[in-house]
């Protein structure tokens, strides 16, 4: 089977939902003082994603791969997410994740 841009977009949306779940889980865990090993796992997943983006200078590896496979602009989220959402993912999710981490930190220090 030949890898196509559509396959990359599908994998990317799966990762998007995984990372969204991790971000929300961190936020909810901190908000409701329910810190579990899953909380630390969710935080670790997001930290790995941040490191991957840092290594690739802010560009998602899936975007680079999509461009190599012939995508016009490499945007791998266009097919599944409206552009106005995909353009604002990092600031919105980054802020929510930072709030979640702050809440988790406060809860852990209170114990």
PDB file of N, CA and C in Angstrom:
ATOM      1  N   UNK A   1       0.839  -1.184   0.000  1.00  0.00           N
ATOM      2  CA  UNK A   1       0.000   0.000   0.000  1.00  0.00           C
ATOM      3  C   UNK A   1       0.880   1.243   0.000  1.00  0.00           C
ATOM      4  N   UNK A   2       0.554   2.157  -0.847  1.00  0.00           N
ATOM      5  CA  UNK A   2       1.314   3.395  -0.969  1.00  0.00           C
ATOM      6  C   UNK A   2       0.782   4.430   0.014  1.00  0.00           C
ATOM      7  N   UNK A   3       1.698   5.063   0.743  1.00  0.00           N
ATOM      8  CA  UNK A   3       1.333   6.095   1.701  1.00  0.00           C
ATOM      9  C   UNK A   3       0.858   7.331   0.950  1.00  0.00           C
ATOM     10  N   UNK A   4      -0.286   7.835   1.345  1.00  0.00           N
ATOM     11  CA  UNK A   4      -0.852   9.006   0.687  1.00  0.00           C
ATOM     12  C   UNK A   4      -1.091  10.113   1.704  1.00  0.00           C
ATOM     13  N   UNK A   5      -1.302  11.306   1.189  1.00  0.00           N
ATOM     14  CA  UNK A   5      -1.548  12.456   2.053  1.00  0.00           C
ATOM     15  C   UNK A   5      -2.750  12.189   2.953  1.00  0.00           C
ATOM     16  N   UNK A   6      -3.779  11.543   2.431  1.00  0.00           N
ATOM     17  CA  UNK A   6      -4.980  11.262   3.223  1.00  0.00           C
ATOM     18  C   UNK A   6      -4.635  10.395   4.433  1.00  0.00           C
ATOM     19  N   UNK A   7      -3.734   9.422   4.261  1.00  0.00           N
ATOM     20  CA  UNK A   7      -3.312   8.580   5.382  1.00  0.00           C
ATOM     21  C   UNK A   7      -2.623   9.421   6.460  1.00  0.00           C
ATOM     22  N   UNK A   8      -1.784  10.346   6.023  1.00  0.00           N
ATOM     23  CA  UNK A   8      -1.083  11.218   6.965  1.00  0.00           C
ATOM     24  C   UNK A   8      -2.098  12.060   7.735  1.00  0.00           C
ATOM     25  N   UNK A   9      -3.092  12.587   7.030  1.00  0.00           N
ATOM     26  CA  UNK A   9      -4.118  13.391   7.692  1.00  0.00           C
ATOM     27  C   UNK A   9      -4.907  12.558   8.702  1.00  0.00           C
ATOM     28  N   UNK A  10      -5.184  11.330   8.367  1.00  0.00           N
ATOM     29  CA  UNK A  10      -5.922  10.460   9.283  1.00  0.00           C
ATOM     30  C   UNK A  10      -5.113  10.186  10.551  1.00  0.00           C
ATOM     31  N   UNK A  11      -3.840   9.867  10.392  1.00  0.00           N
ATOM     32  CA  UNK A  11      -2.983   9.624  11.552  1.00  0.00           C
ATOM     33  C   UNK A  11      -2.848  10.902  12.374  1.00  0.00           C
ATOM     34  N   UNK A  12      -2.734  12.032  11.689  1.00  0.00           N
ATOM     35  CA  UNK A  12      -2.598  13.302  12.385  1.00  0.00           C
ATOM     36  C   UNK A  12      -3.828  13.609  13.229  1.00  0.00           C
ATOM     37  N   UNK A  13      -5.010  13.348  12.726  1.00  0.00           N
ATOM     38  CA  UNK A  13      -6.218  13.637  13.497  1.00  0.00           C
ATOM     39  C   UNK A  13      -6.331  12.703  14.696  1.00  0.00           C
ATOM     40  N   UNK A  14      -5.848  11.473  14.557  1.00  0.00           N
ATOM     41  CA  UNK A  14      -5.834  10.551  15.703  1.00  0.00           C
ATOM     42  C   UNK A  14      -4.908  11.110  16.787  1.00  0.00           C
ATOM     43  N   UNK A  15      -3.721  11.579  16.396  1.00  0.00           N
ATOM     44  CA  UNK A  15      -2.804  12.195  17.354  1.00  0.00           C
ATOM     45  C   UNK A  15      -3.403  13.464  17.950  1.00  0.00           C
ATOM     46  N   UNK A  16      -4.105  14.237  17.134  1.00  0.00           N
ATOM     47  CA  UNK A  16      -4.746  15.452  17.624  1.00  0.00           C
ATOM     48  C   UNK A  16      -5.735  15.124  18.741  1.00  0.00           C
ATOM     49  N   UNK A  17      -6.568  14.104  18.532  1.00  0.00           N
ATOM     50  CA  UNK A  17      -7.538  13.740  19.565  1.00  0.00           C
ATOM     51  C   UNK A  17      -6.853  13.146  20.806  1.00  0.00           C
ATOM     52  N   UNK A  18      -5.793  12.394  20.616  1.00  0.00           N
ATOM     53  CA  UNK A  18      -5.031  11.872  21.747  1.00  0.00           C
ATOM     54  C   UNK A  18      -4.454  13.018  22.581  1.00  0.00           C
ATOM     55  N   UNK A  19      -3.815  13.968  21.912  1.00  0.00           N
ATOM     56  CA  UNK A  19      -3.223  15.105  22.618  1.00  0.00           C
ATOM     57  C   UNK A  19      -4.297  15.983  23.251  1.00  0.00           C
ATOM     58  N   UNK A  20      -5.436  16.126  22.577  1.00  0.00           N
ATOM     59  CA  UNK A  20      -6.549  16.892  23.150  1.00  0.00           C
ATOM     60  C   UNK A  20      -7.039  16.225  24.425  1.00  0.00           C
ATOM     61  N   UNK A  21      -7.165  14.917  24.392  1.00  0.00           N
ATOM     62  CA  UNK A  21      -7.587  14.176  25.578  1.00  0.00           C
ATOM     63  C   UNK A  21      -6.599  14.325  26.718  1.00  0.00           C
ATOM     64  N   UNK A  22      -5.318  14.272  26.403  1.00  0.00           N
ATOM     65  CA  UNK A  22      -4.286  14.431  27.438  1.00  0.00           C
ATOM     66  C   UNK A  22      -4.331  15.823  28.049  1.00  0.00           C
ATOM     67  N   UNK A  23      -4.509  16.831  27.208  1.00  0.00           N
ATOM     68  CA  UNK A  23      -4.591  18.198  27.703  1.00  0.00           C
ATOM     69  C   UNK A  23      -5.812  18.365  28.601  1.00  0.00           C
ATOM     70  N   UNK A  24      -6.959  17.883  28.159  1.00  0.00           N
ATOM     71  CA  UNK A  24      -8.180  17.995  28.959  1.00  0.00           C
ATOM     72  C   UNK A  24      -8.081  17.197  30.252  1.00  0.00           C
ATOM     73  N   UNK A  25      -7.485  16.013  30.179  1.00  0.00           N
ATOM     74  CA  UNK A  25      -7.335  15.194  31.380  1.00  0.00           C
ATOM     75  C   UNK A  25      -6.461  15.899  32.417  1.00  0.00           C
ATOM     76  N   UNK A  26      -5.397  16.536  31.953  1.00  0.00           N
ATOM     77  CA  UNK A  26      -4.527  17.281  32.865  1.00  0.00           C
ATOM     78  C   UNK A  26      -5.293  18.430  33.506  1.00  0.00           C
ATOM     79  N   UNK A  27      -6.032  19.161  32.722  1.00  0.00           N
ATOM     80  CA  UNK A  27      -6.806  20.294  33.218  1.00  0.00           C
ATOM     81  C   UNK A  27      -7.859  19.849  34.233  1.00  0.00           C
ATOM     82  N   UNK A  28      -8.605  18.799  33.902  1.00  0.00           N
ATOM     83  CA  UNK A  28      -9.654  18.302  34.789  1.00  0.00           C
ATOM     84  C   UNK A  28      -9.054  17.693  36.058  1.00  0.00           C
ATOM     85  N   UNK A  29      -7.958  16.970  35.915  1.00  0.00           N
ATOM     86  CA  UNK A  29      -7.296  16.383  37.094  1.00  0.00           C
ATOM     87  C   UNK A  29      -6.876  17.457  38.081  1.00  0.00           C
ATOM     88  N   UNK A  30      -6.305  18.515  37.564  1.00  0.00           N
ATOM     89  CA  UNK A  30      -5.895  19.607  38.434  1.00  0.00           C
ATOM     90  C   UNK A  30      -7.082  20.343  39.023  1.00  0.00           C
ATOM     91  N   UNK A  31      -8.106  20.568  38.225  1.00  0.00           N
ATOM     92  CA  UNK A  31      -9.272  21.310  38.696  1.00  0.00           C
ATOM     93  C   UNK A  31     -10.023  20.565  39.793  1.00  0.00           C
ATOM     94  N   UNK A  32     -10.097  19.254  39.683  1.00  0.00           N
ATOM     95  CA  UNK A  32     -10.863  18.463  40.644  1.00  0.00           C
ATOM     96  C   UNK A  32      -9.998  17.711  41.647  1.00  0.00           C
ATOM     97  N   UNK A  33      -8.714  18.067  41.700  1.00  0.00           N
ATOM     98  CA  UNK A  33      -7.783  17.454  42.648  1.00  0.00           C
ATOM     99  C   UNK A  33      -7.825  15.926  42.590  1.00  0.00           C
ATOM    100  N   UNK A  34      -7.757  15.424  41.392  1.00  0.00           N
ATOM    101  CA  UNK A  34      -7.776  13.979  41.173  1.00  0.00           C
ATOM    102  C   UNK A  34      -6.498  13.587  40.419  1.00  0.00           C
ATOM    103  N   UNK A  35      -5.365  13.746  41.079  1.00  0.00           N
ATOM    104  CA  UNK A  35      -4.071  13.474  40.461  1.00  0.00           C
ATOM    105  C   UNK A  35      -3.795  11.970  40.563  1.00  0.00           C
ATOM    106  N   UNK A  36      -3.653  11.339  39.414  1.00  0.00           N
ATOM    107  CA  UNK A  36      -3.418   9.901  39.332  1.00  0.00           C
ATOM    108  C   UNK A  36      -2.205   9.649  38.436  1.00  0.00           C
ATOM    109  N   UNK A  37      -1.772   8.405  38.342  1.00  0.00           N
ATOM    110  CA  UNK A  37      -0.710   8.103  37.377  1.00  0.00           C
ATOM    111  C   UNK A  37      -1.098   8.480  35.939  1.00  0.00           C
ATOM    112  N   UNK A  38      -2.377   8.436  35.642  1.00  0.00           N
ATOM    113  CA  UNK A  38      -2.834   8.846  34.303  1.00  0.00           C
ATOM    114  C   UNK A  38      -2.559  10.328  34.056  1.00  0.00           C
ATOM    115  N   UNK A  39      -2.658  11.109  35.104  1.00  0.00           N
ATOM    116  CA  UNK A  39      -2.359  12.541  34.984  1.00  0.00           C
ATOM    117  C   UNK A  39      -0.912  12.734  34.558  1.00  0.00           C
ATOM    118  N   UNK A  40      -0.005  12.040  35.231  1.00  0.00           N
ATOM    119  CA  UNK A  40       1.426  12.162  34.892  1.00  0.00           C
ATOM    120  C   UNK A  40       1.697  11.630  33.490  1.00  0.00           C
ATOM    121  N   UNK A  41       0.993  10.563  33.096  1.00  0.00           N
ATOM    122  CA  UNK A  41       1.138  10.049  31.733  1.00  0.00           C
ATOM    123  C   UNK A  41       0.664  11.044  30.698  1.00  0.00           C
ATOM    124  N   UNK A  42      -0.458  11.697  30.978  1.00  0.00           N
ATOM    125  CA  UNK A  42      -0.993  12.705  30.054  1.00  0.00           C
ATOM    126  C   UNK A  42      -0.024  13.875  29.916  1.00  0.00           C
ATOM    127  N   UNK A  43       0.538  14.301  31.044  1.00  0.00           N
ATOM    128  CA  UNK A  43       1.514  15.390  31.004  1.00  0.00           C
ATOM    129  C   UNK A  43       2.743  14.963  30.202  1.00  0.00           C
ATOM    130  N   UNK A  44       3.193  13.738  30.407  1.00  0.00           N
ATOM    131  CA  UNK A  44       4.365  13.235  29.676  1.00  0.00           C
ATOM    132  C   UNK A  44       4.119  13.210  28.171  1.00  0.00           C
ATOM    133  N   UNK A  45       2.933  12.798  27.763  1.00  0.00           N
ATOM    134  CA  UNK A  45       2.608  12.755  26.329  1.00  0.00           C
ATOM    135  C   UNK A  45       2.697  14.154  25.730  1.00  0.00           C
ATOM    136  N   UNK A  46       2.151  15.140  26.430  1.00  0.00           N
ATOM    137  CA  UNK A  46       2.200  16.517  25.926  1.00  0.00           C
ATOM    138  C   UNK A  46       3.640  17.031  25.886  1.00  0.00           C
ATOM    139  N   UNK A  47       4.418  16.710  26.916  1.00  0.00           N
ATOM    140  CA  UNK A  47       5.820  17.153  26.943  1.00  0.00           C
ATOM    141  C   UNK A  47       6.586  16.544  25.764  1.00  0.00           C
ATOM    142  N   UNK A  48       6.335  15.277  25.465  1.00  0.00           N
ATOM    143  CA  UNK A  48       6.992  14.641  24.309  1.00  0.00           C
ATOM    144  C   UNK A  48       6.595  15.364  23.021  1.00  0.00           C
ATOM    145  N   UNK A  49       5.325  15.717  22.888  1.00  0.00           N
ATOM    146  CA  UNK A  49       4.868  16.453  21.704  1.00  0.00           C
ATOM    147  C   UNK A  49       5.582  17.800  21.592  1.00  0.00           C
ATOM    148  N   UNK A  50       5.733  18.496  22.701  1.00  0.00           N
ATOM    149  CA  UNK A  50       6.432  19.781  22.701  1.00  0.00           C
ATOM    150  C   UNK A  50       7.890  19.590  22.270  1.00  0.00           C
ATOM    151  N   UNK A  51       8.524  18.539  22.769  1.00  0.00           N
ATOM    152  CA  UNK A  51       9.905  18.253  22.379  1.00  0.00           C
ATOM    153  C   UNK A  51      10.022  17.934  20.894  1.00  0.00           C
ATOM    154  N   UNK A  52       9.070  17.166  20.375  1.00  0.00           N
ATOM    155  CA  UNK A  52       9.069  16.847  18.939  1.00  0.00           C
ATOM    156  C   UNK A  52       8.944  18.130  18.126  1.00  0.00           C
ATOM    157  N   UNK A  53       8.022  18.994  18.517  1.00  0.00           N
ATOM    158  CA  UNK A  53       7.866  20.265  17.802  1.00  0.00           C
ATOM    159  C   UNK A  53       9.120  21.126  17.915  1.00  0.00           C
ATOM    160  N   UNK A  54       9.788  21.080  19.060  1.00  0.00           N
ATOM    161  CA  UNK A  54      11.026  21.846  19.224  1.00  0.00           C
ATOM    162  C   UNK A  54      12.116  21.321  18.294  1.00  0.00           C
ATOM    163  N   UNK A  55      12.231  20.003  18.217  1.00  0.00           N
ATOM    164  CA  UNK A  55      13.238  19.398  17.345  1.00  0.00           C
ATOM    165  C   UNK A  55      12.989  19.764  15.880  1.00  0.00           C
ATOM    166  N   UNK A  56      11.719  19.833  15.489  1.00  0.00           N
ATOM    167  CA  UNK A  56      11.365  20.147  14.101  1.00  0.00           C
ATOM    168  C   UNK A  56      11.080  21.640  13.904  1.00  0.00           C
ATOM    169  N   UNK A  57      11.580  22.463  14.822  1.00  0.00           N
ATOM    170  CA  UNK A  57      11.484  23.922  14.730  1.00  0.00           C
ATOM    171  C   UNK A  57      10.053  24.423  14.567  1.00  0.00           C
ATOM    172  N   UNK A  58       9.171  23.850  15.367  1.00  0.00           N
ATOM    173  CA  UNK A  58       7.784  24.303  15.384  1.00  0.00           C
ATOM    174  C   UNK A  58       6.891  23.721  14.310  1.00  0.00           C
ATOM    175  N   UNK A  59       7.440  22.867  13.489  1.00  0.00           N
ATOM    176  CA  UNK A  59       6.639  22.242  12.428  1.00  0.00           C
ATOM    177  C   UNK A  59       6.371  20.796  12.789  1.00  0.00           C
ATOM    178  N   UNK A  60       5.142  20.412  12.604  1.00  0.00           N
ATOM    179  CA  UNK A  60       4.755  19.026  12.870  1.00  0.00           C
ATOM    180  C   UNK A  60       5.412  18.111  11.831  1.00  0.00           C
ATOM    181  N   UNK A  61       5.971  16.986  12.268  1.00  0.00           N
ATOM    182  CA  UNK A  61       6.570  16.054  11.311  1.00  0.00           C
ATOM    183  C   UNK A  61       5.561  15.544  10.282  1.00  0.00           C
ATOM    184  N   UNK A  62       4.286  15.470  10.673  1.00  0.00           N
ATOM    185  CA  UNK A  62       3.264  15.037   9.717  1.00  0.00           C
ATOM    186  C   UNK A  62       3.075  16.063   8.608  1.00  0.00           C
ATOM    187  N   UNK A  63       3.221  17.340   8.926  1.00  0.00           N
ATOM    188  CA  UNK A  63       3.137  18.393   7.916  1.00  0.00           C
ATOM    189  C   UNK A  63       4.277  18.251   6.917  1.00  0.00           C
ATOM    190  N   UNK A  64       5.459  18.025   7.424  1.00  0.00           N
ATOM    191  CA  UNK A  64       6.630  17.851   6.557  1.00  0.00           C
ATOM    192  C   UNK A  64       6.433  16.643   5.652  1.00  0.00           C
ATOM    193  N   UNK A  65       5.953  15.542   6.218  1.00  0.00           N
ATOM    194  CA  UNK A  65       5.724  14.333   5.429  1.00  0.00           C
ATOM    195  C   UNK A  65       4.641  14.556   4.379  1.00  0.00           C
ATOM    196  N   UNK A  66       3.578  15.252   4.748  1.00  0.00           N
ATOM    197  CA  UNK A  66       2.504  15.531   3.785  1.00  0.00           C
ATOM    198  C   UNK A  66       3.027  16.356   2.612  1.00  0.00           C
ATOM    199  N   UNK A  67       3.885  17.324   2.884  1.00  0.00           N
ATOM    200  CA  UNK A  67       4.473  18.132   1.816  1.00  0.00           C
ATOM    201  C   UNK A  67       5.361  17.281   0.915  1.00  0.00           C
ATOM    202  N   UNK A  68       6.103  16.357   1.514  1.00  0.00           N
ATOM    203  CA  UNK A  68       6.957  15.470   0.717  1.00  0.00           C
ATOM    204  C   UNK A  68       6.131  14.549  -0.176  1.00  0.00           C
ATOM    205  N   UNK A  69       4.914  14.248   0.271  1.00  0.00           N
ATOM    206  CA  UNK A  69       4.036  13.379  -0.518  1.00  0.00           C
ATOM    207  C   UNK A  69       3.209  14.154  -1.531  1.00  0.00           C
ATOM    208  N   UNK A  70       3.384  15.476  -1.576  1.00  0.00           N
ATOM    209  CA  UNK A  70       2.724  16.260  -2.602  1.00  0.00           C
ATOM    210  C   UNK A  70       1.595  17.158  -2.150  1.00  0.00           C
ATOM    211  N   UNK A  71       1.358  17.284  -0.860  1.00  0.00           N
ATOM    212  CA  UNK A  71       0.325  18.205  -0.392  1.00  0.00           C
ATOM    213  C   UNK A  71       0.720  19.624  -0.780  1.00  0.00           C
ATOM    214  N   UNK A  72      -0.249  20.422  -1.152  1.00  0.00           N
ATOM    215  CA  UNK A  72       0.025  21.768  -1.633  1.00  0.00           C
ATOM    216  C   UNK A  72       0.724  22.612  -0.581  1.00  0.00           C
ATOM    217  N   UNK A  73       0.190  22.617   0.638  1.00  0.00           N
ATOM    218  CA  UNK A  73       0.798  23.454   1.661  1.00  0.00           C
ATOM    219  C   UNK A  73       1.196  22.662   2.904  1.00  0.00           C
ATOM    220  N   UNK A  74       0.957  21.378   2.906  1.00  0.00           N
ATOM    221  CA  UNK A  74       1.373  20.548   4.028  1.00  0.00           C
ATOM    222  C   UNK A  74       0.449  20.570   5.213  1.00  0.00           C
ATOM    223  N   UNK A  75      -0.601  21.367   5.160  1.00  0.00           N
ATOM    224  CA  UNK A  75      -1.536  21.436   6.285  1.00  0.00           C
ATOM    225  C   UNK A  75      -2.289  20.113   6.347  1.00  0.00           C
ATOM    226  N   UNK A  76      -2.041  19.361   7.389  1.00  0.00           N
ATOM    227  CA  UNK A  76      -2.632  18.029   7.471  1.00  0.00           C
ATOM    228  C   UNK A  76      -3.963  18.026   8.210  1.00  0.00           C
ATOM    229  N   UNK A  77      -4.375  19.159   8.741  1.00  0.00           N
ATOM    230  CA  UNK A  77      -5.630  19.179   9.493  1.00  0.00           C
ATOM    231  C   UNK A  77      -6.795  19.727   8.674  1.00  0.00           C
ATOM    232  N   UNK A  78      -6.546  20.230   7.482  1.00  0.00           N
ATOM    233  CA  UNK A  78      -7.594  20.869   6.690  1.00  0.00           C
ATOM    234  C   UNK A  78      -8.795  19.979   6.452  1.00  0.00           C
ATOM    235  N   UNK A  79      -8.563  18.717   6.213  1.00  0.00           N
ATOM    236  CA  UNK A  79      -9.648  17.829   5.836  1.00  0.00           C
ATOM    237  C   UNK A  79     -10.604  17.552   6.997  1.00  0.00           C
ATOM    238  N   UNK A  80     -10.140  17.667   8.222  1.00  0.00           N
ATOM    239  CA  UNK A  80     -10.944  17.298   9.375  1.00  0.00           C
ATOM    240  C   UNK A  80     -11.301  18.464  10.300  1.00  0.00           C
ATOM    241  N   UNK A  81     -10.537  19.521  10.281  1.00  0.00           N
ATOM    242  CA  UNK A  81     -10.789  20.656  11.166  1.00  0.00           C
ATOM    243  C   UNK A  81     -10.918  21.930  10.349  1.00  0.00           C
ATOM    244  N   UNK A  82     -11.816  22.815  10.753  1.00  0.00           N
ATOM    245  CA  UNK A  82     -11.855  24.120  10.077  1.00  0.00           C
ATOM    246  C   UNK A  82     -10.534  24.853  10.289  1.00  0.00           C
ATOM    247  N   UNK A  83     -10.150  25.614   9.323  1.00  0.00           N
ATOM    248  CA  UNK A  83      -8.858  26.297   9.379  1.00  0.00           C
ATOM    249  C   UNK A  83      -8.744  27.227  10.588  1.00  0.00           C
ATOM    250  N   UNK A  84      -9.816  27.916  10.942  1.00  0.00           N
ATOM    251  CA  UNK A  84      -9.748  28.862  12.060  1.00  0.00           C
ATOM    252  C   UNK A  84      -9.444  28.148  13.369  1.00  0.00           C
ATOM    253  N   UNK A  85      -9.829  26.884  13.476  1.00  0.00           N
ATOM    254  CA  UNK A  85      -9.476  26.111  14.674  1.00  0.00           C
ATOM    255  C   UNK A  85      -8.012  25.679  14.595  1.00  0.00           C
ATOM    256  N   UNK A  86      -7.627  25.120  13.472  1.00  0.00           N
ATOM    257  CA  UNK A  86      -6.259  24.609  13.358  1.00  0.00           C
ATOM    258  C   UNK A  86      -5.220  25.723  13.462  1.00  0.00           C
ATOM    259  N   UNK A  87      -5.574  26.948  13.063  1.00  0.00           N
ATOM    260  CA  UNK A  87      -4.636  28.070  13.179  1.00  0.00           C
ATOM    261  C   UNK A  87      -4.431  28.510  14.619  1.00  0.00           C
ATOM    262  N   UNK A  88      -5.357  28.147  15.498  1.00  0.00           N
ATOM    263  CA  UNK A  88      -5.293  28.625  16.878  1.00  0.00           C
ATOM    264  C   UNK A  88      -5.054  27.505  17.906  1.00  0.00           C
ATOM    265  N   UNK A  89      -4.756  26.333  17.444  1.00  0.00           N
ATOM    266  CA  UNK A  89      -4.599  25.187  18.340  1.00  0.00           C
ATOM    267  C   UNK A  89      -3.493  25.421  19.366  1.00  0.00           C
ATOM    268  N   UNK A  90      -2.321  25.807  18.927  1.00  0.00           N
ATOM    269  CA  UNK A  90      -1.195  25.946  19.861  1.00  0.00           C
ATOM    270  C   UNK A  90      -1.443  26.994  20.942  1.00  0.00           C
ATOM    271  N   UNK A  91      -1.910  28.189  20.621  1.00  0.00           N
ATOM    272  CA  UNK A  91      -2.147  29.150  21.711  1.00  0.00           C
ATOM    273  C   UNK A  91      -3.260  28.719  22.665  1.00  0.00           C
ATOM    274  N   UNK A  92      -4.334  28.176  22.130  1.00  0.00           N
ATOM    275  CA  UNK A  92      -5.455  27.750  22.976  1.00  0.00           C
ATOM    276  C   UNK A  92      -5.044  26.568  23.847  1.00  0.00           C
ATOM    277  N   UNK A  93      -4.529  25.520  23.218  1.00  0.00           N
ATOM    278  CA  UNK A  93      -4.161  24.321  23.964  1.00  0.00           C
ATOM    279  C   UNK A  93      -2.979  24.570  24.884  1.00  0.00           C
ATOM    280  N   UNK A  94      -2.037  25.398  24.444  1.00  0.00           N
ATOM    281  CA  UNK A  94      -0.895  25.720  25.288  1.00  0.00           C
ATOM    282  C   UNK A  94      -1.324  26.418  26.566  1.00  0.00           C
ATOM    283  N   UNK A  95      -2.253  27.347  26.426  1.00  0.00           N
ATOM    284  CA  UNK A  95      -2.759  28.060  27.600  1.00  0.00           C
ATOM    285  C   UNK A  95      -3.514  27.121  28.533  1.00  0.00           C
ATOM    286  N   UNK A  96      -4.397  26.304  27.973  1.00  0.00           N
ATOM    287  CA  UNK A  96      -5.161  25.361  28.794  1.00  0.00           C
ATOM    288  C   UNK A  96      -4.252  24.347  29.479  1.00  0.00           C
ATOM    289  N   UNK A  97      -3.228  23.889  28.764  1.00  0.00           N
ATOM    290  CA  UNK A  97      -2.293  22.934  29.354  1.00  0.00           C
ATOM    291  C   UNK A  97      -1.491  23.589  30.474  1.00  0.00           C
ATOM    292  N   UNK A  98      -1.070  24.830  30.265  1.00  0.00           N
ATOM    293  CA  UNK A  98      -0.332  25.542  31.309  1.00  0.00           C
ATOM    294  C   UNK A  98      -1.204  25.725  32.560  1.00  0.00           C
ATOM    295  N   UNK A  99      -2.464  26.050  32.362  1.00  0.00           N
ATOM    296  CA  UNK A  99      -3.384  26.176  33.496  1.00  0.00           C
ATOM    297  C   UNK A  99      -3.520  24.826  34.206  1.00  0.00           C
ATOM    298  N   UNK A 100      -3.682  23.761  33.416  1.00  0.00           N
ATOM    299  CA  UNK A 100      -3.786  22.424  33.997  1.00  0.00           C
ATOM    300  C   UNK A 100      -2.548  22.056  34.795  1.00  0.00           C
ATOM    301  N   UNK A 101      -1.375  22.327  34.258  1.00  0.00           N
ATOM    302  CA  UNK A 101      -0.124  22.025  34.973  1.00  0.00           C
ATOM    303  C   UNK A 101       0.003  22.857  36.237  1.00  0.00           C
ATOM    304  N   UNK A 102      -0.417  24.109  36.164  1.00  0.00           N
ATOM    305  CA  UNK A 102      -0.379  24.958  37.359  1.00  0.00           C
ATOM    306  C   UNK A 102      -1.311  24.402  38.431  1.00  0.00           C
ATOM    307  N   UNK A 103      -2.500  23.977  38.035  1.00  0.00           N
ATOM    308  CA  UNK A 103      -3.438  23.399  38.994  1.00  0.00           C
ATOM    309  C   UNK A 103      -2.890  22.114  39.602  1.00  0.00           C
ATOM    310  N   UNK A 104      -2.306  21.266  38.761  1.00  0.00           N
ATOM    311  CA  UNK A 104      -1.713  20.018  39.257  1.00  0.00           C
ATOM    312  C   UNK A 104      -0.593  20.342  40.240  1.00  0.00           C
ATOM    313  N   UNK A 105       0.242  21.296  39.903  1.00  0.00           N
ATOM    314  CA  UNK A 105       1.347  21.686  40.781  1.00  0.00           C
ATOM    315  C   UNK A 105       0.826  22.176  42.129  1.00  0.00           C
ATOM    316  N   UNK A 106      -0.176  23.028  42.111  1.00  0.00           N
ATOM    317  CA  UNK A 106      -0.762  23.544  43.354  1.00  0.00           C
ATOM    318  C   UNK A 106      -1.320  22.398  44.182  1.00  0.00           C
ATOM    319  N   UNK A 107      -2.046  21.471  43.530  1.00  0.00           N
ATOM    320  CA  UNK A 107      -2.639  20.342  44.266  1.00  0.00           C
ATOM    321  C   UNK A 107      -1.575  19.462  44.888  1.00  0.00           C
ATOM    322  N   UNK A 108      -0.514  19.194  44.145  1.00  0.00           N
ATOM    323  CA  UNK A 108       0.561  18.336  44.657  1.00  0.00           C
ATOM    324  C   UNK A 108       1.267  19.019  45.820  1.00  0.00           C
ATOM    325  N   UNK A 109       1.511  20.319  45.711  1.00  0.00           N
ATOM    326  CA  UNK A 109       2.179  21.038  46.795  1.00  0.00           C
ATOM    327  C   UNK A 109       1.305  21.173  48.032  1.00  0.00           C
ATOM    328  N   UNK A 110       0.001  21.143  47.872  1.00  0.00           N
ATOM    329  CA  UNK A 110      -0.897  21.231  49.012  1.00  0.00           C
ATOM    330  C   UNK A 110      -0.940  19.928  49.820  1.00  0.00           C
ATOM    331  N   UNK A 111      -0.554  18.846  49.202  1.00  0.00           N
ATOM    332  CA  UNK A 111      -0.622  17.553  49.895  1.00  0.00           C
ATOM    333  C   UNK A 111       0.524  17.355  50.836  1.00  0.00           C
TER     334      UNK A 111
END
